[in-house]
Each structure stands twice: as C-alpha cells, then as structure tokens.
Amino acid sequence: MKKYEVLEHKADLKIRAFGKTKEELFQNMLLGMSESQKPEIKDNKKTERKIKIKSLNPLSLLVDFLSEILYFNQINKEIYSNVDFIRFTDTELEARLAGRKVERLGEDIKAVTYHNLDVHQKKDKTWEAIVLFDV
C-alpha cells in the first residue's frame, strides 16, 4: 500500500494519504506534508517534541494535528517525519514527534484547510484522507 500521493490542484497542495489504521493514516499524511515542504536538513541531529490535541470530531482532529505540526515547523525550524502515538481517539491524541533541524523549507505551506476535507474508512477497512493545504 502506498503511503500518500500528491494530487493535481491549480494553486494549492492537495494530498491523499492511506493507512491500514487511522493512526497510520495520520502518520502518512504527516509524511506527505513534510516531504512536500522540500526541507533542507541542517544536520543529522534528531529532535523530539510532544504534542497533545483535543478536537470536536475526527476531521477537526486531523486538521488540528497537521496545523500544530506546521506551527512547530516554523517556530522550531524543524521538520517532522515520524509520529509515535501515545493516545489516539476520535477527538484526542497525544504523541511524540521525531524530526530534524532544517536550514530552510523549499515549499512554504501557510495553512491546513477544511476545503474538500475528507477522512473515511473504505470497504476493505483501510483508511483514506484528502487534505488541501494553502501554499
């Protein structure tokens, strides 16, 4: 199973991610978002951050998760490519993010949007999400 794909969009970045579980779906969307930013890694020193999010519903949880990570990218000058979930429900998550320091990001993602946001479980019980990012 592929982790994610970048879909064609006129002005913004649109990513479809896949996962066997909802946790894997969130991990793969994070990977797609991070790789799409084209980071220039500063060094191989690994960084770790904790994240805790409470949302109204599963759709908001994904948007809030990605938005918080975008915020961390900017203030910490880091890119995160892996997440270890400590707690994960439909409306809350707690996790550790693993990343690296960056010199700069080649692609600036301004925001995670709700426009055409979709998260669903398919007939084969795998998960799929589509997120549009404002660039």
N, C-alpha and C. Protein backbone atom coordinates (compact mmCIF):
# COMPACT_ATOMS: atom_id res chain seq x y z
N MET A 1 0.84 -1.18 0.00
CA MET A 1 0.00 0.00 0.00
C MET A 1 0.89 1.24 0.00
N LYS A 2 0.61 2.16 -0.92
CA LYS A 2 1.38 3.40 -0.92
C LYS A 2 0.93 4.27 0.24
N LYS A 3 1.82 5.14 0.70
CA LYS A 3 1.56 5.95 1.89
C LYS A 3 0.74 7.19 1.57
N TYR A 4 1.08 7.86 0.48
CA TYR A 4 0.36 9.07 0.08
C TYR A 4 0.65 9.37 -1.37
N GLU A 5 -0.15 10.29 -1.92
CA GLU A 5 0.11 10.80 -3.26
C GLU A 5 -0.29 12.27 -3.30
N VAL A 6 0.43 13.02 -4.10
CA VAL A 6 0.10 14.43 -4.30
C VAL A 6 -0.84 14.49 -5.50
N LEU A 7 -1.99 15.13 -5.29
CA LEU A 7 -3.00 15.24 -6.34
C LEU A 7 -2.87 16.59 -7.05
N GLU A 8 -3.31 16.62 -8.28
CA GLU A 8 -3.23 17.86 -9.05
C GLU A 8 -4.20 18.89 -8.50
N HIS A 9 -3.71 20.12 -8.35
CA HIS A 9 -4.53 21.25 -7.93
C HIS A 9 -3.93 22.51 -8.52
N LYS A 10 -4.79 23.45 -8.94
CA LYS A 10 -4.32 24.67 -9.62
C LYS A 10 -3.35 25.49 -8.79
N ALA A 11 -3.75 25.83 -7.57
CA ALA A 11 -2.96 26.81 -6.80
C ALA A 11 -2.39 26.28 -5.50
N ASP A 12 -2.99 25.25 -4.95
CA ASP A 12 -2.59 24.77 -3.63
C ASP A 12 -2.03 23.36 -3.68
N LEU A 13 -1.70 22.82 -2.54
CA LEU A 13 -1.17 21.46 -2.41
C LEU A 13 -2.29 20.55 -1.91
N LYS A 14 -2.54 19.48 -2.64
CA LYS A 14 -3.60 18.53 -2.28
C LYS A 14 -2.97 17.15 -2.12
N ILE A 15 -3.15 16.55 -0.95
CA ILE A 15 -2.55 15.24 -0.66
C ILE A 15 -3.63 14.24 -0.29
N ARG A 16 -3.51 13.04 -0.87
CA ARG A 16 -4.35 11.91 -0.47
C ARG A 16 -3.42 10.92 0.25
N ALA A 17 -3.78 10.58 1.48
CA ALA A 17 -2.98 9.63 2.27
C ALA A 17 -3.80 8.39 2.54
N PHE A 18 -3.08 7.30 2.82
CA PHE A 18 -3.71 6.00 3.04
C PHE A 18 -3.16 5.39 4.33
N GLY A 19 -3.93 4.49 4.93
CA GLY A 19 -3.44 3.79 6.11
C GLY A 19 -4.30 2.59 6.44
N LYS A 20 -3.66 1.58 7.02
CA LYS A 20 -4.40 0.40 7.48
C LYS A 20 -5.21 0.73 8.72
N THR A 21 -4.72 1.72 9.48
CA THR A 21 -5.41 2.20 10.69
C THR A 21 -5.50 3.72 10.60
N LYS A 22 -6.31 4.31 11.45
CA LYS A 22 -6.41 5.77 11.46
C LYS A 22 -5.08 6.40 11.89
N GLU A 23 -4.38 5.74 12.81
CA GLU A 23 -3.07 6.23 13.25
C GLU A 23 -2.08 6.25 12.09
N GLU A 24 -2.07 5.17 11.31
CA GLU A 24 -1.18 5.10 10.15
C GLU A 24 -1.56 6.15 9.11
N LEU A 25 -2.85 6.41 8.96
CA LEU A 25 -3.32 7.45 8.06
C LEU A 25 -2.76 8.82 8.46
N PHE A 26 -2.83 9.15 9.75
CA PHE A 26 -2.29 10.42 10.25
C PHE A 26 -0.78 10.48 10.02
N GLN A 27 -0.08 9.37 10.28
CA GLN A 27 1.37 9.30 10.07
C GLN A 27 1.71 9.56 8.60
N ASN A 28 0.97 8.94 7.70
CA ASN A 28 1.26 9.08 6.28
C ASN A 28 0.91 10.47 5.74
N MET A 29 -0.14 11.09 6.29
CA MET A 29 -0.46 12.47 5.89
C MET A 29 0.64 13.41 6.38
N LEU A 30 1.14 13.17 7.59
CA LEU A 30 2.27 13.95 8.11
C LEU A 30 3.47 13.81 7.18
N LEU A 31 3.78 12.59 6.77
CA LEU A 31 4.91 12.33 5.88
C LEU A 31 4.73 13.08 4.56
N GLY A 32 3.53 13.01 3.99
CA GLY A 32 3.25 13.72 2.74
C GLY A 32 3.43 15.22 2.88
N MET A 33 2.90 15.77 3.97
CA MET A 33 3.03 17.21 4.22
C MET A 33 4.50 17.59 4.39
N SER A 34 5.24 16.80 5.17
CA SER A 34 6.64 17.11 5.45
C SER A 34 7.51 17.02 4.20
N GLU A 35 7.35 15.96 3.43
CA GLU A 35 8.15 15.80 2.21
C GLU A 35 7.81 16.86 1.17
N SER A 36 6.55 17.30 1.14
CA SER A 36 6.12 18.33 0.18
C SER A 36 6.72 19.69 0.48
N GLN A 37 7.20 19.89 1.69
CA GLN A 37 7.83 21.16 2.07
C GLN A 37 9.27 21.25 1.59
N LYS A 38 9.80 20.15 1.04
CA LYS A 38 11.16 20.11 0.49
C LYS A 38 12.19 20.68 1.45
N PRO A 39 12.31 20.06 2.61
CA PRO A 39 13.23 20.60 3.62
C PRO A 39 14.70 20.42 3.25
N GLU A 40 15.50 21.43 3.60
CA GLU A 40 16.96 21.33 3.50
C GLU A 40 17.44 21.05 4.91
N ILE A 41 17.83 19.81 5.17
CA ILE A 41 18.21 19.37 6.51
C ILE A 41 19.51 20.05 6.93
N LYS A 42 19.51 20.58 8.14
CA LYS A 42 20.68 21.30 8.68
C LYS A 42 21.76 20.32 9.11
N ASP A 43 21.38 19.32 9.89
CA ASP A 43 22.32 18.29 10.33
C ASP A 43 21.51 17.04 10.68
N ASN A 44 22.19 16.00 11.07
CA ASN A 44 21.50 14.75 11.38
C ASN A 44 21.04 14.64 12.82
N LYS A 45 21.19 15.71 13.57
CA LYS A 45 20.75 15.71 14.96
C LYS A 45 19.22 15.55 15.00
N LYS A 46 18.77 14.53 15.72
CA LYS A 46 17.33 14.28 15.82
C LYS A 46 16.71 15.14 16.91
N THR A 47 15.48 15.55 16.64
CA THR A 47 14.73 16.33 17.63
C THR A 47 13.46 15.57 17.99
N GLU A 48 12.94 15.86 19.16
CA GLU A 48 11.69 15.23 19.58
C GLU A 48 10.81 16.27 20.26
N ARG A 49 9.54 16.26 19.92
CA ARG A 49 8.55 17.16 20.51
C ARG A 49 7.33 16.34 20.92
N LYS A 50 6.67 16.81 21.98
CA LYS A 50 5.40 16.19 22.37
C LYS A 50 4.27 17.06 21.86
N ILE A 51 3.18 16.40 21.52
CA ILE A 51 2.00 17.10 21.02
C ILE A 51 0.77 16.50 21.68
N LYS A 52 -0.16 17.37 22.05
CA LYS A 52 -1.40 16.95 22.69
C LYS A 52 -2.53 17.77 22.08
N ILE A 53 -3.53 17.10 21.51
CA ILE A 53 -4.61 17.81 20.82
C ILE A 53 -5.96 17.25 21.23
N LYS A 54 -6.90 18.16 21.42
CA LYS A 54 -8.29 17.83 21.71
C LYS A 54 -9.13 18.56 20.67
N SER A 55 -10.01 17.83 19.96
CA SER A 55 -10.81 18.43 18.90
C SER A 55 -12.27 18.01 19.03
N LEU A 56 -13.10 18.62 18.20
CA LEU A 56 -14.54 18.34 18.24
C LEU A 56 -14.93 17.03 17.57
N ASN A 57 -14.18 16.65 16.53
CA ASN A 57 -14.53 15.45 15.75
C ASN A 57 -13.28 14.94 15.02
N PRO A 58 -13.38 13.77 14.37
CA PRO A 58 -12.21 13.21 13.68
C PRO A 58 -11.63 14.10 12.58
N LEU A 59 -12.49 14.80 11.83
CA LEU A 59 -11.99 15.69 10.77
C LEU A 59 -11.17 16.83 11.37
N SER A 60 -11.72 17.44 12.41
CA SER A 60 -11.00 18.54 13.07
C SER A 60 -9.71 18.05 13.71
N LEU A 61 -9.71 16.81 14.20
CA LEU A 61 -8.50 16.26 14.81
C LEU A 61 -7.36 16.21 13.80
N LEU A 62 -7.65 15.78 12.58
CA LEU A 62 -6.61 15.72 11.54
C LEU A 62 -6.11 17.13 11.20
N VAL A 63 -7.03 18.06 11.00
CA VAL A 63 -6.64 19.44 10.67
C VAL A 63 -5.84 20.06 11.82
N ASP A 64 -6.30 19.88 13.05
CA ASP A 64 -5.61 20.44 14.21
C ASP A 64 -4.22 19.83 14.39
N PHE A 65 -4.11 18.52 14.16
CA PHE A 65 -2.84 17.80 14.24
C PHE A 65 -1.83 18.37 13.24
N LEU A 66 -2.24 18.48 11.99
CA LEU A 66 -1.34 18.99 10.95
C LEU A 66 -1.02 20.46 11.16
N SER A 67 -2.00 21.24 11.60
CA SER A 67 -1.79 22.67 11.85
C SER A 67 -0.79 22.90 12.97
N GLU A 68 -0.91 22.11 14.02
CA GLU A 68 0.03 22.24 15.15
C GLU A 68 1.45 21.90 14.71
N ILE A 69 1.58 20.88 13.87
CA ILE A 69 2.90 20.50 13.37
C ILE A 69 3.47 21.58 12.45
N LEU A 70 2.63 22.19 11.62
CA LEU A 70 3.10 23.31 10.79
C LEU A 70 3.62 24.45 11.67
N TYR A 71 2.93 24.72 12.75
CA TYR A 71 3.36 25.75 13.70
C TYR A 71 4.73 25.38 14.28
N PHE A 72 4.88 24.12 14.70
CA PHE A 72 6.17 23.65 15.24
C PHE A 72 7.28 23.78 14.18
N ASN A 73 6.95 23.44 12.93
CA ASN A 73 7.94 23.58 11.83
C ASN A 73 8.50 24.98 11.80
N GLN A 74 7.62 25.96 11.88
CA GLN A 74 8.02 27.35 11.73
C GLN A 74 8.76 27.89 12.94
N ILE A 75 8.24 27.65 14.14
CA ILE A 75 8.89 28.25 15.32
C ILE A 75 10.16 27.52 15.73
N ASN A 76 10.24 26.21 15.48
CA ASN A 76 11.41 25.43 15.89
C ASN A 76 12.41 25.21 14.76
N LYS A 77 12.05 25.61 13.53
CA LYS A 77 12.88 25.35 12.35
C LYS A 77 13.25 23.87 12.28
N GLU A 78 12.20 23.04 12.36
CA GLU A 78 12.35 21.59 12.31
C GLU A 78 11.31 21.02 11.35
N ILE A 79 11.61 19.82 10.85
CA ILE A 79 10.66 19.08 10.04
C ILE A 79 10.45 17.73 10.71
N TYR A 80 9.22 17.29 10.77
CA TYR A 80 8.89 16.05 11.48
C TYR A 80 8.42 15.02 10.46
N SER A 81 8.98 13.83 10.56
CA SER A 81 8.64 12.79 9.59
C SER A 81 8.07 11.55 10.25
N ASN A 82 8.07 11.51 11.57
CA ASN A 82 7.57 10.32 12.25
C ASN A 82 6.80 10.74 13.49
N VAL A 83 5.77 9.97 13.80
CA VAL A 83 4.96 10.23 14.98
C VAL A 83 4.71 8.91 15.71
N ASP A 84 4.85 8.95 17.02
CA ASP A 84 4.58 7.78 17.87
C ASP A 84 3.39 8.16 18.76
N PHE A 85 2.24 7.56 18.49
CA PHE A 85 1.04 7.90 19.24
C PHE A 85 1.03 7.21 20.59
N ILE A 86 0.81 8.00 21.63
CA ILE A 86 0.69 7.50 22.99
C ILE A 86 -0.78 7.25 23.29
N ARG A 87 -1.62 8.17 22.82
CA ARG A 87 -3.07 8.08 22.98
C ARG A 87 -3.70 8.56 21.68
N PHE A 88 -4.75 7.84 21.23
CA PHE A 88 -5.41 8.21 19.98
C PHE A 88 -6.87 7.80 20.04
N THR A 89 -7.77 8.79 20.01
CA THR A 89 -9.22 8.54 19.94
C THR A 89 -9.78 9.36 18.78
N ASP A 90 -11.08 9.35 18.61
CA ASP A 90 -11.70 10.13 17.53
C ASP A 90 -11.57 11.64 17.73
N THR A 91 -11.36 12.07 18.97
CA THR A 91 -11.32 13.51 19.24
C THR A 91 -10.08 13.98 20.00
N GLU A 92 -9.19 13.06 20.38
CA GLU A 92 -7.99 13.43 21.13
C GLU A 92 -6.79 12.61 20.67
N LEU A 93 -5.64 13.23 20.78
CA LEU A 93 -4.41 12.47 20.57
C LEU A 93 -3.29 13.07 21.39
N GLU A 94 -2.37 12.19 21.74
CA GLU A 94 -1.13 12.58 22.40
C GLU A 94 -0.04 11.78 21.72
N ALA A 95 1.05 12.45 21.36
CA ALA A 95 2.09 11.77 20.59
C ALA A 95 3.44 12.43 20.76
N ARG A 96 4.47 11.68 20.33
CA ARG A 96 5.83 12.20 20.24
C ARG A 96 6.17 12.32 18.76
N LEU A 97 6.67 13.48 18.40
CA LEU A 97 7.10 13.74 17.02
C LEU A 97 8.61 13.60 16.94
N ALA A 98 9.09 12.95 15.90
CA ALA A 98 10.53 12.84 15.66
C ALA A 98 10.85 13.65 14.41
N GLY A 99 11.92 14.44 14.50
CA GLY A 99 12.27 15.28 13.37
C GLY A 99 13.73 15.65 13.33
N ARG A 100 14.02 16.64 12.48
CA ARG A 100 15.39 17.15 12.31
C ARG A 100 15.33 18.66 12.11
N LYS A 101 16.42 19.33 12.47
CA LYS A 101 16.56 20.76 12.23
C LYS A 101 16.70 21.00 10.73
N VAL A 102 16.16 22.12 10.26
CA VAL A 102 16.26 22.45 8.84
C VAL A 102 16.90 23.82 8.65
N GLU A 103 17.62 23.96 7.54
CA GLU A 103 18.15 25.27 7.13
C GLU A 103 17.00 26.13 6.64
N ARG A 104 16.20 25.52 5.75
CA ARG A 104 15.04 26.20 5.21
C ARG A 104 14.10 25.18 4.58
N LEU A 105 12.87 25.64 4.33
CA LEU A 105 11.88 24.81 3.65
C LEU A 105 11.72 25.34 2.24
N GLY A 106 11.84 24.46 1.26
CA GLY A 106 11.74 24.87 -0.14
C GLY A 106 10.33 25.25 -0.55
N GLU A 107 9.34 24.68 0.10
CA GLU A 107 7.93 24.98 -0.19
C GLU A 107 7.27 25.43 1.09
N ASP A 108 6.65 26.60 1.05
CA ASP A 108 6.00 27.16 2.23
C ASP A 108 4.53 26.77 2.26
N ILE A 109 4.14 26.00 3.25
CA ILE A 109 2.73 25.69 3.47
C ILE A 109 2.22 26.68 4.50
N LYS A 110 1.23 27.47 4.11
CA LYS A 110 0.71 28.51 5.00
C LYS A 110 -0.32 27.98 5.98
N ALA A 111 -1.17 27.04 5.51
CA ALA A 111 -2.25 26.55 6.38
C ALA A 111 -2.82 25.24 5.89
N VAL A 112 -3.43 24.52 6.81
CA VAL A 112 -4.21 23.32 6.52
C VAL A 112 -5.65 23.80 6.42
N THR A 113 -6.36 23.43 5.35
CA THR A 113 -7.72 23.94 5.17
C THR A 113 -8.77 22.85 5.38
N TYR A 114 -10.00 23.29 5.56
CA TYR A 114 -11.15 22.38 5.64
C TYR A 114 -11.80 22.19 4.28
N HIS A 115 -11.32 22.91 3.27
CA HIS A 115 -11.92 22.85 1.94
C HIS A 115 -11.79 21.44 1.35
N ASN A 116 -12.92 20.82 1.03
CA ASN A 116 -12.98 19.46 0.47
C ASN A 116 -12.27 18.42 1.33
N LEU A 117 -12.17 18.69 2.63
CA LEU A 117 -11.54 17.75 3.56
C LEU A 117 -12.34 16.45 3.60
N ASP A 118 -11.63 15.33 3.55
CA ASP A 118 -12.31 14.03 3.59
C ASP A 118 -11.47 13.03 4.36
N VAL A 119 -12.09 12.34 5.29
CA VAL A 119 -11.47 11.22 6.01
C VAL A 119 -12.52 10.13 6.07
N HIS A 120 -12.20 8.95 5.54
CA HIS A 120 -13.19 7.86 5.59
C HIS A 120 -12.52 6.49 5.57
N GLN A 121 -13.29 5.52 6.05
CA GLN A 121 -12.85 4.14 6.02
C GLN A 121 -13.46 3.49 4.79
N LYS A 122 -12.65 2.81 4.02
CA LYS A 122 -13.10 2.18 2.78
C LYS A 122 -13.69 0.80 3.06
N LYS A 123 -14.27 0.20 2.02
CA LYS A 123 -14.91 -1.12 2.17
C LYS A 123 -13.94 -2.19 2.66
N ASP A 124 -12.66 -2.07 2.28
CA ASP A 124 -11.66 -3.06 2.70
C ASP A 124 -11.10 -2.76 4.09
N LYS A 125 -11.73 -1.81 4.80
CA LYS A 125 -11.39 -1.43 6.19
C LYS A 125 -10.13 -0.58 6.30
N THR A 126 -9.52 -0.20 5.17
CA THR A 126 -8.39 0.72 5.23
C THR A 126 -8.93 2.15 5.26
N TRP A 127 -8.05 3.10 5.57
CA TRP A 127 -8.45 4.50 5.72
C TRP A 127 -7.85 5.34 4.61
N GLU A 128 -8.56 6.42 4.27
CA GLU A 128 -8.10 7.35 3.24
C GLU A 128 -8.51 8.76 3.66
N ALA A 129 -7.64 9.72 3.37
CA ALA A 129 -7.94 11.12 3.66
C ALA A 129 -7.42 11.99 2.52
N ILE A 130 -8.14 13.09 2.29
CA ILE A 130 -7.69 14.10 1.34
C ILE A 130 -7.67 15.44 2.08
N VAL A 131 -6.52 16.11 2.00
CA VAL A 131 -6.36 17.40 2.67
C VAL A 131 -5.80 18.40 1.66
N LEU A 132 -6.36 19.61 1.69
CA LEU A 132 -5.89 20.70 0.85
C LEU A 132 -5.11 21.68 1.73
N PHE A 133 -3.89 21.99 1.31
CA PHE A 133 -3.02 22.91 2.04
C PHE A 133 -2.90 24.21 1.26
N ASP A 134 -2.98 25.32 1.96
CA ASP A 134 -2.80 26.64 1.36
C ASP A 134 -1.30 26.92 1.26
N VAL A 135 -0.82 27.13 0.02
CA VAL A 135 0.62 27.39 -0.18
C VAL A 135 0.84 28.78 -0.75
